[in-house]
Amino acid sequence: MISPHPVSPHSIGDPASPSPGPRQSNPASPSPRPPRSDPESPLPGPPQSDPASPSPGLLQSDRCKLIISHCIEYAIATILSLLMVIFLAIPALMPPEFWLDPGSSLSSLNISTTYVTVRWNIALSIKNPSKLIAVKYPHMKLLLSFNSQLALSRPSIIPAFTQGPDNVTTVRAEALSMIAMVNDFGVKGLVSSLKGEEVTIDVVAKSKRRLHLGPWWVPVLDAYVSCMGVTFTAPTNSTGDGDWMILTGTSSCTASIITLLW
């Protein structure tokens, strides 16, 4: 008799082999567990921006402040420099006052057949026009001439001196003339004047200048002084001895501020 149900091939075999049952998990490999949440850890919140990176608006504001501060520093430095230049330029362009002192004289006059010998004693008074700044004259020399052509002597050097503000200083220099008697119109004119009662010469002074600004002596424009038509008169005593003195009214000088290379 044929069974109405067919026999499965898997059921044919060893009767001792157990039939496949439900699949069981391996007790040695535990199943993964969900991560345990720490009760002290904060809950994740919405994403926040980094506080160390400022916003573009703050960067723009800082940049503007930096530019403004640099502009202010530059403006202050420029204003101070302009004030320094003005403070230096005003006294530098103020010409000092010069005049020949009445103590200037002519002495030791000797006219021979071979030489004319004269000693000139020049006293030059100088006034500092600045009421705030001291002035130093480190190098001054005097030049004497007759009719602006005949040099009467070598340049006379005046030692360096310093003037306080609004101060008058009188410096002295000596010049010795020893001129050979030659056939020259200048020499003949000088001898003729010296044999008379008066002689007229020209006195020129040239000098370097320094202004006292703080701890420094700042070089400024040189001084050029011309005293033209200075007249010395012979003594009026009965013997005719003594020094020739400068004639009142001819001791004025003209000062100018120029740059000299000498």
C-alpha atoms as a PDB file:
ATOM      1  CA  MET A   1       0.000   0.000   0.000  1.00  0.00           C
ATOM      2  CA  ILE A   2       1.396   3.330  -1.117  1.00  0.00           C
ATOM      3  CA  SER A   3       1.510   6.159   1.487  1.00  0.00           C
ATOM      4  CA  PRO A   4      -0.260   9.199   0.379  1.00  0.00           C
ATOM      5  CA  HIS A   5       2.535  11.418   1.701  1.00  0.00           C
ATOM      6  CA  PRO A   6       5.931  11.205   0.051  1.00  0.00           C
ATOM      7  CA  VAL A   7       8.911  10.614   2.226  1.00  0.00           C
ATOM      8  CA  SER A   8      11.490  13.435   2.320  1.00  0.00           C
ATOM      9  CA  PRO A   9      15.014  12.479   1.360  1.00  0.00           C
ATOM     10  CA  HIS A  10      16.299  14.021   4.533  1.00  0.00           C
ATOM     11  CA  SER A  11      14.272  11.670   6.622  1.00  0.00           C
ATOM     12  CA  ILE A  12      16.059   8.702   5.055  1.00  0.00           C
ATOM     13  CA  GLY A  13      19.304   7.962   6.712  1.00  0.00           C
ATOM     14  CA  ASP A  14      20.760   7.365  10.094  1.00  0.00           C
ATOM     15  CA  PRO A  15      17.952   7.040  12.616  1.00  0.00           C
ATOM     16  CA  ALA A  16      20.352   8.259  15.326  1.00  0.00           C
ATOM     17  CA  SER A  17      20.988  11.650  13.732  1.00  0.00           C
ATOM     18  CA  PRO A  18      18.758  14.126  15.330  1.00  0.00           C
ATOM     19  CA  SER A  19      16.415  16.040  13.301  1.00  0.00           C
ATOM     20  CA  PRO A  20      17.261  19.648  12.793  1.00  0.00           C
ATOM     21  CA  GLY A  21      15.691  21.697  15.479  1.00  0.00           C
ATOM     22  CA  PRO A  22      15.554  25.397  16.130  1.00  0.00           C
ATOM     23  CA  ARG A  23      18.969  27.271  15.833  1.00  0.00           C
ATOM     24  CA  GLN A  24      20.414  28.393  19.187  1.00  0.00           C
ATOM     25  CA  SER A  25      22.957  31.096  19.861  1.00  0.00           C
ATOM     26  CA  ASN A  26      26.463  30.390  21.053  1.00  0.00           C
ATOM     27  CA  PRO A  27      26.674  31.082  24.785  1.00  0.00           C
ATOM     28  CA  ALA A  28      30.427  31.994  24.423  1.00  0.00           C
ATOM     29  CA  SER A  29      29.777  35.010  22.112  1.00  0.00           C
ATOM     30  CA  PRO A  30      27.384  37.345  23.834  1.00  0.00           C
ATOM     31  CA  SER A  31      25.112  39.430  21.723  1.00  0.00           C
ATOM     32  CA  PRO A  32      25.977  43.150  21.303  1.00  0.00           C
ATOM     33  CA  ARG A  33      24.314  45.436  23.761  1.00  0.00           C
ATOM     34  CA  PRO A  34      23.289  49.036  23.164  1.00  0.00           C
ATOM     35  CA  PRO A  35      25.851  51.617  24.509  1.00  0.00           C
ATOM     36  CA  ARG A  36      25.232  52.628  28.053  1.00  0.00           C
ATOM     37  CA  SER A  37      24.630  56.306  28.427  1.00  0.00           C
ATOM     38  CA  ASP A  38      26.591  58.194  31.097  1.00  0.00           C
ATOM     39  CA  PRO A  39      24.124  60.000  33.348  1.00  0.00           C
ATOM     40  CA  GLU A  40      26.716  62.782  33.988  1.00  0.00           C
ATOM     41  CA  SER A  41      27.513  63.495  30.299  1.00  0.00           C
ATOM     42  CA  PRO A  42      25.510  66.406  28.876  1.00  0.00           C
ATOM     43  CA  LEU A  43      23.014  65.785  26.244  1.00  0.00           C
ATOM     44  CA  PRO A  44      24.112  66.762  22.744  1.00  0.00           C
ATOM     45  CA  GLY A  45      22.764  70.124  21.834  1.00  0.00           C
ATOM     46  CA  PRO A  46      22.612  72.149  18.657  1.00  0.00           C
ATOM     47  CA  PRO A  47      25.996  72.900  16.967  1.00  0.00           C
ATOM     48  CA  GLN A  48      27.631  76.109  18.228  1.00  0.00           C
ATOM     49  CA  SER A  49      30.162  78.402  16.530  1.00  0.00           C
ATOM     50  CA  ASP A  50      33.827  78.487  17.657  1.00  0.00           C
ATOM     51  CA  PRO A  51      34.321  81.405  20.098  1.00  0.00           C
ATOM     52  CA  ALA A  52      37.984  81.698  19.045  1.00  0.00           C
ATOM     53  CA  SER A  53      37.065  82.710  15.505  1.00  0.00           C
ATOM     54  CA  PRO A  54      35.532  86.244  15.551  1.00  0.00           C
ATOM     55  CA  SER A  55      32.851  87.213  13.175  1.00  0.00           C
ATOM     56  CA  PRO A  56      33.724  89.146   9.986  1.00  0.00           C
ATOM     57  CA  GLY A  57      32.132  92.264  11.461  1.00  0.00           C
ATOM     58  CA  LEU A  58      34.512  92.270  14.429  1.00  0.00           C
ATOM     59  CA  LEU A  59      37.530  91.759  12.145  1.00  0.00           C
ATOM     60  CA  GLN A  60      36.488  94.728  10.018  1.00  0.00           C
ATOM     61  CA  SER A  61      36.050  96.913  13.123  1.00  0.00           C
ATOM     62  CA  ASP A  62      39.494  95.988  14.517  1.00  0.00           C
ATOM     63  CA  ARG A  63      41.097  96.704  11.163  1.00  0.00           C
ATOM     64  CA  CYS A  64      39.493 100.156  11.042  1.00  0.00           C
ATOM     65  CA  LYS A  65      40.650 100.943  14.588  1.00  0.00           C
ATOM     66  CA  LEU A  66      44.212  99.914  13.699  1.00  0.00           C
ATOM     67  CA  ILE A  67      44.230 102.137  10.602  1.00  0.00           C
ATOM     68  CA  ILE A  68      42.850 105.095  12.564  1.00  0.00           C
ATOM     69  CA  SER A  69      45.473 104.690  15.316  1.00  0.00           C
ATOM     70  CA  HIS A  70      48.282 104.624  12.724  1.00  0.00           C
ATOM     71  CA  CYS A  71      46.880 107.737  11.057  1.00  0.00           C
ATOM     72  CA  ILE A  72      46.760 109.562  14.402  1.00  0.00           C
ATOM     73  CA  GLU A  73      50.363 108.611  15.208  1.00  0.00           C
ATOM     74  CA  TYR A  74      51.516 109.777  11.766  1.00  0.00           C
ATOM     75  CA  ALA A  75      49.628 113.077  12.120  1.00  0.00           C
ATOM     76  CA  ILE A  76      51.146 113.758  15.554  1.00  0.00           C
ATOM     77  CA  ALA A  77      54.660 113.016  14.275  1.00  0.00           C
ATOM     78  CA  THR A  78      54.105 115.282  11.247  1.00  0.00           C
ATOM     79  CA  ILE A  79      52.818 118.166  13.376  1.00  0.00           C
ATOM     80  CA  LEU A  80      55.745 117.879  15.788  1.00  0.00           C
ATOM     81  CA  SER A  81      58.196 117.828  12.879  1.00  0.00           C
ATOM     82  CA  LEU A  82      56.615 120.943  11.364  1.00  0.00           C
ATOM     83  CA  LEU A  83      56.737 122.752  14.692  1.00  0.00           C
ATOM     84  CA  MET A  84      60.399 121.795  15.057  1.00  0.00           C
ATOM     85  CA  VAL A  85      61.179 123.105  11.577  1.00  0.00           C
ATOM     86  CA  ILE A  86      59.343 126.377  12.253  1.00  0.00           C
ATOM     87  CA  PHE A  87      61.014 126.733  15.643  1.00  0.00           C
ATOM     88  CA  LEU A  88      64.392 126.269  13.972  1.00  0.00           C
ATOM     89  CA  ALA A  89      63.723 128.273  10.806  1.00  0.00           C
ATOM     90  CA  ILE A  90      62.572 131.484  12.488  1.00  0.00           C
ATOM     91  CA  PRO A  91      65.775 132.174  14.469  1.00  0.00           C
ATOM     92  CA  ALA A  92      67.930 130.759  11.671  1.00  0.00           C
ATOM     93  CA  LEU A  93      66.578 133.337   9.224  1.00  0.00           C
ATOM     94  CA  MET A  94      66.821 136.250  11.651  1.00  0.00           C
ATOM     95  CA  PRO A  95      70.031 138.109  10.747  1.00  0.00           C
ATOM     96  CA  PRO A  96      72.125 139.196  13.729  1.00  0.00           C
ATOM     97  CA  GLU A  97      72.940 142.869  14.226  1.00  0.00           C
ATOM     98  CA  PHE A  98      76.535 144.009  13.659  1.00  0.00           C
ATOM     99  CA  TRP A  99      78.259 147.365  14.109  1.00  0.00           C
ATOM    100  CA  LEU A 100      81.797 148.584  14.659  1.00  0.00           C
ATOM    101  CA  ASP A 101      82.523 149.640  18.194  1.00  0.00           C
ATOM    102  CA  PRO A 102      83.899 153.185  18.759  1.00  0.00           C
ATOM    103  CA  GLY A 103      86.941 151.537  20.321  1.00  0.00           C
ATOM    104  CA  SER A 104      88.170 150.561  16.849  1.00  0.00           C
ATOM    105  CA  SER A 105      91.364 152.401  15.930  1.00  0.00           C
ATOM    106  CA  LEU A 106      94.364 152.673  13.641  1.00  0.00           C
ATOM    107  CA  SER A 107      97.841 152.641  15.191  1.00  0.00           C
ATOM    108  CA  SER A 108     101.534 152.113  14.477  1.00  0.00           C
ATOM    109  CA  LEU A 109     101.415 154.013  11.224  1.00  0.00           C
ATOM    110  CA  ASN A 110     104.736 154.097   9.388  1.00  0.00           C
ATOM    111  CA  ILE A 111     105.253 155.216   5.810  1.00  0.00           C
ATOM    112  CA  SER A 112     108.698 154.636   4.324  1.00  0.00           C
ATOM    113  CA  THR A 113     110.133 154.559   0.845  1.00  0.00           C
ATOM    114  CA  THR A 114     109.672 150.782   0.605  1.00  0.00           C
ATOM    115  CA  TYR A 115     106.692 149.813   2.820  1.00  0.00           C
ATOM    116  CA  VAL A 116     103.532 151.144   4.424  1.00  0.00           C
ATOM    117  CA  THR A 117     102.946 149.655   7.847  1.00  0.00           C
ATOM    118  CA  VAL A 118      99.619 150.049   9.680  1.00  0.00           C
ATOM    119  CA  ARG A 119      98.033 148.176  12.588  1.00  0.00           C
ATOM    120  CA  TRP A 120      94.232 147.998  12.552  1.00  0.00           C
ATOM    121  CA  ASN A 121      92.399 147.371  15.824  1.00  0.00           C
ATOM    122  CA  ILE A 122      88.833 146.332  14.986  1.00  0.00           C
ATOM    123  CA  ALA A 123      86.138 145.962  17.650  1.00  0.00           C
ATOM    124  CA  LEU A 124      82.975 144.359  16.288  1.00  0.00           C
ATOM    125  CA  SER A 125      79.758 144.287  18.311  1.00  0.00           C
ATOM    126  CA  ILE A 126      77.167 141.566  17.639  1.00  0.00           C
ATOM    127  CA  LYS A 127      73.640 141.261  18.973  1.00  0.00           C
ATOM    128  CA  ASN A 128      71.700 137.998  19.115  1.00  0.00           C
ATOM    129  CA  PRO A 129      68.181 138.802  17.844  1.00  0.00           C
ATOM    130  CA  SER A 130      66.615 135.693  19.388  1.00  0.00           C
ATOM    131  CA  LYS A 131      65.210 136.016  22.894  1.00  0.00           C
ATOM    132  CA  LEU A 132      65.031 132.252  23.422  1.00  0.00           C
ATOM    133  CA  ILE A 133      67.949 130.556  21.674  1.00  0.00           C
ATOM    134  CA  ALA A 134      71.685 130.881  22.255  1.00  0.00           C
ATOM    135  CA  VAL A 135      74.010 131.215  19.251  1.00  0.00           C
ATOM    136  CA  LYS A 136      77.576 130.000  18.803  1.00  0.00           C
ATOM    137  CA  TYR A 137      80.062 131.458  16.327  1.00  0.00           C
ATOM    138  CA  PRO A 138      82.687 128.710  15.922  1.00  0.00           C
ATOM    139  CA  HIS A 139      84.644 130.362  13.134  1.00  0.00           C
ATOM    140  CA  MET A 140      84.701 134.080  12.237  1.00  0.00           C
ATOM    141  CA  LYS A 141      87.183 136.053  10.212  1.00  0.00           C
ATOM    142  CA  LEU A 142      87.552 139.703   9.201  1.00  0.00           C
ATOM    143  CA  LEU A 143      88.716 140.986   5.826  1.00  0.00           C
ATOM    144  CA  LEU A 144      89.969 144.581   5.401  1.00  0.00           C
ATOM    145  CA  SER A 145      90.263 146.282   2.051  1.00  0.00           C
ATOM    146  CA  PHE A 146      90.810 149.736   0.559  1.00  0.00           C
ATOM    147  CA  ASN A 147      88.366 150.818  -2.146  1.00  0.00           C
ATOM    148  CA  SER A 148      87.048 147.194  -2.109  1.00  0.00           C
ATOM    149  CA  GLN A 149      90.060 146.184  -4.213  1.00  0.00           C
ATOM    150  CA  LEU A 150      93.304 146.416  -2.266  1.00  0.00           C
ATOM    151  CA  ALA A 151      93.543 143.790   0.486  1.00  0.00           C
ATOM    152  CA  LEU A 152      95.094 145.426   3.528  1.00  0.00           C
ATOM    153  CA  SER A 153      96.095 142.261   5.349  1.00  0.00           C
ATOM    154  CA  ARG A 154      95.518 138.565   5.716  1.00  0.00           C
ATOM    155  CA  PRO A 155      92.153 137.490   7.154  1.00  0.00           C
ATOM    156  CA  SER A 156      91.971 138.028  10.920  1.00  0.00           C
ATOM    157  CA  ILE A 157      90.582 135.043  12.825  1.00  0.00           C
ATOM    158  CA  ILE A 158      88.314 135.665  15.818  1.00  0.00           C
ATOM    159  CA  PRO A 159      88.181 132.867  18.420  1.00  0.00           C
ATOM    160  CA  ALA A 160      84.925 130.962  18.854  1.00  0.00           C
ATOM    161  CA  PHE A 161      82.397 132.479  21.238  1.00  0.00           C
ATOM    162  CA  THR A 162      78.827 131.876  22.387  1.00  0.00           C
ATOM    163  CA  GLN A 163      76.018 134.381  22.800  1.00  0.00           C
ATOM    164  CA  GLY A 164      73.080 134.026  25.134  1.00  0.00           C
ATOM    165  CA  PRO A 165      69.558 135.022  24.081  1.00  0.00           C
ATOM    166  CA  ASP A 166      69.157 138.770  23.418  1.00  0.00           C
ATOM    167  CA  ASN A 167      72.819 139.342  24.258  1.00  0.00           C
ATOM    168  CA  VAL A 168      75.367 141.820  22.851  1.00  0.00           C
ATOM    169  CA  THR A 169      78.971 140.638  22.494  1.00  0.00           C
ATOM    170  CA  THR A 170      81.989 142.676  21.394  1.00  0.00           C
ATOM    171  CA  VAL A 171      84.861 140.793  19.787  1.00  0.00           C
ATOM    172  CA  ARG A 172      88.241 142.246  18.863  1.00  0.00           C
ATOM    173  CA  ALA A 173      90.670 141.473  16.093  1.00  0.00           C
ATOM    174  CA  GLU A 174      93.989 142.915  14.967  1.00  0.00           C
ATOM    175  CA  ALA A 175      95.215 143.134  11.418  1.00  0.00           C
ATOM    176  CA  LEU A 176      98.702 144.221  10.375  1.00  0.00           C
ATOM    177  CA  SER A 177      99.164 145.852   6.982  1.00  0.00           C
ATOM    178  CA  MET A 178     102.615 145.703   5.431  1.00  0.00           C
ATOM    179  CA  ILE A 179     102.230 146.849   1.853  1.00  0.00           C
ATOM    180  CA  ALA A 180     105.137 147.354  -0.519  1.00  0.00           C
ATOM    181  CA  MET A 181     105.445 150.713  -2.210  1.00  0.00           C
ATOM    182  CA  VAL A 182     104.729 149.837  -5.813  1.00  0.00           C
ATOM    183  CA  ASN A 183     103.420 151.751  -8.772  1.00  0.00           C
ATOM    184  CA  ASP A 184      99.775 150.879  -8.172  1.00  0.00           C
ATOM    185  CA  PHE A 185      96.748 153.160  -8.034  1.00  0.00           C
ATOM    186  CA  GLY A 186      95.406 151.376  -4.952  1.00  0.00           C
ATOM    187  CA  VAL A 187      98.662 151.708  -3.039  1.00  0.00           C
ATOM    188  CA  LYS A 188      99.054 155.342  -4.080  1.00  0.00           C
ATOM    189  CA  GLY A 189      95.519 156.124  -2.976  1.00  0.00           C
ATOM    190  CA  LEU A 190      96.077 154.459   0.420  1.00  0.00           C
ATOM    191  CA  VAL A 191      99.341 156.357   1.000  1.00  0.00           C
ATOM    192  CA  SER A 192      97.693 159.625   0.020  1.00  0.00           C
ATOM    193  CA  SER A 193      94.841 159.016   2.484  1.00  0.00           C
ATOM    194  CA  LEU A 194      97.182 158.054   5.312  1.00  0.00           C
ATOM    195  CA  LYS A 195      99.231 161.190   4.760  1.00  0.00           C
ATOM    196  CA  GLY A 196      96.065 163.224   5.089  1.00  0.00           C
ATOM    197  CA  GLU A 197      93.678 163.414   8.039  1.00  0.00           C
ATOM    198  CA  GLU A 198      91.421 160.457   7.319  1.00  0.00           C
ATOM    199  CA  VAL A 199      91.329 157.108   5.573  1.00  0.00           C
ATOM    200  CA  THR A 200      88.294 155.084   4.547  1.00  0.00           C
ATOM    201  CA  ILE A 201      88.321 151.295   4.383  1.00  0.00           C
ATOM    202  CA  ASP A 202      85.856 148.396   4.077  1.00  0.00           C
ATOM    203  CA  VAL A 203      85.431 145.712   6.740  1.00  0.00           C
ATOM    204  CA  VAL A 204      83.802 142.372   5.915  1.00  0.00           C
ATOM    205  CA  ALA A 205      83.035 139.654   8.472  1.00  0.00           C
ATOM    206  CA  LYS A 206      82.161 136.064   7.621  1.00  0.00           C
ATOM    207  CA  SER A 207      81.148 133.481  10.175  1.00  0.00           C
ATOM    208  CA  LYS A 208      79.672 130.059  10.734  1.00  0.00           C
ATOM    209  CA  ARG A 209      76.736 129.807  13.144  1.00  0.00           C
ATOM    210  CA  ARG A 210      75.173 127.202  15.442  1.00  0.00           C
ATOM    211  CA  LEU A 211      71.845 127.351  17.284  1.00  0.00           C
ATOM    212  CA  HIS A 212      71.481 125.757  20.713  1.00  0.00           C
ATOM    213  CA  LEU A 213      68.482 123.418  20.609  1.00  0.00           C
ATOM    214  CA  GLY A 214      68.282 121.124  23.622  1.00  0.00           C
ATOM    215  CA  PRO A 215      71.574 119.219  23.951  1.00  0.00           C
ATOM    216  CA  TRP A 216      72.590 119.919  20.326  1.00  0.00           C
ATOM    217  CA  TRP A 217      74.256 122.782  18.468  1.00  0.00           C
ATOM    218  CA  VAL A 218      72.513 122.793  15.094  1.00  0.00           C
ATOM    219  CA  PRO A 219      74.344 124.342  12.088  1.00  0.00           C
ATOM    220  CA  VAL A 220      72.369 127.044  10.280  1.00  0.00           C
ATOM    221  CA  LEU A 221      73.053 129.497   7.480  1.00  0.00           C
ATOM    222  CA  ASP A 222      76.294 131.445   7.665  1.00  0.00           C
ATOM    223  CA  ALA A 223      76.446 135.162   8.414  1.00  0.00           C
ATOM    224  CA  TYR A 224      77.951 137.683   6.015  1.00  0.00           C
ATOM    225  CA  VAL A 225      78.487 141.232   7.313  1.00  0.00           C
ATOM    226  CA  SER A 226      79.736 144.195   5.303  1.00  0.00           C
ATOM    227  CA  CYS A 227      80.799 147.478   6.916  1.00  0.00           C
ATOM    228  CA  MET A 228      81.459 149.778   3.958  1.00  0.00           C
ATOM    229  CA  GLY A 229      83.005 153.201   4.083  1.00  0.00           C
ATOM    230  CA  VAL A 230      84.457 152.997   7.593  1.00  0.00           C
ATOM    231  CA  THR A 231      86.479 156.192   8.181  1.00  0.00           C
ATOM    232  CA  PHE A 232      89.362 156.641  10.603  1.00  0.00           C
ATOM    233  CA  THR A 233      90.498 160.154  11.457  1.00  0.00           C
ATOM    234  CA  ALA A 234      93.928 161.347  12.540  1.00  0.00           C
ATOM    235  CA  PRO A 235      94.427 162.564  16.114  1.00  0.00           C
ATOM    236  CA  THR A 236      93.601 166.237  16.618  1.00  0.00           C
ATOM    237  CA  ASN A 237      96.171 167.018  19.343  1.00  0.00           C
ATOM    238  CA  SER A 238      98.967 169.450  18.727  1.00  0.00           C
ATOM    239  CA  THR A 239     101.654 166.803  18.449  1.00  0.00           C
ATOM    240  CA  GLY A 240      99.701 164.517  16.111  1.00  0.00           C
ATOM    241  CA  ASP A 241     100.590 161.491  18.181  1.00  0.00           C
ATOM    242  CA  GLY A 242      98.163 158.755  19.171  1.00  0.00           C
ATOM    243  CA  ASP A 243      95.764 156.400  17.478  1.00  0.00           C
ATOM    244  CA  TRP A 244      93.446 157.230  14.646  1.00  0.00           C
ATOM    245  CA  MET A 245      89.876 156.749  15.814  1.00  0.00           C
ATOM    246  CA  ILE A 246      86.805 155.665  13.932  1.00  0.00           C
ATOM    247  CA  LEU A 247      84.578 158.479  12.730  1.00  0.00           C
ATOM    248  CA  THR A 248      81.121 158.514  14.279  1.00  0.00           C
ATOM    249  CA  GLY A 249      78.419 157.710  11.760  1.00  0.00           C
ATOM    250  CA  THR A 250      80.516 155.380   9.613  1.00  0.00           C
ATOM    251  CA  SER A 251      80.405 152.323  11.882  1.00  0.00           C
ATOM    252  CA  SER A 252      77.140 150.813  10.659  1.00  0.00           C
ATOM    253  CA  CYS A 253      77.143 147.361   9.075  1.00  0.00           C
ATOM    254  CA  THR A 254      74.765 145.400   6.888  1.00  0.00           C
ATOM    255  CA  ALA A 255      74.168 141.751   7.768  1.00  0.00           C
ATOM    256  CA  SER A 256      72.744 139.059   5.559  1.00  0.00           C
ATOM    257  CA  ILE A 257      72.234 135.322   5.916  1.00  0.00           C
ATOM    258  CA  ILE A 258      73.745 133.370   3.045  1.00  0.00           C
ATOM    259  CA  THR A 259      75.516 130.097   2.505  1.00  0.00           C
ATOM    260  CA  LEU A 260      79.246 130.581   2.014  1.00  0.00           C
ATOM    261  CA  LEU A 261      81.875 128.066   0.986  1.00  0.00           C
ATOM    262  CA  TRP A 262      85.189 129.465   2.190  1.00  0.00           C
END
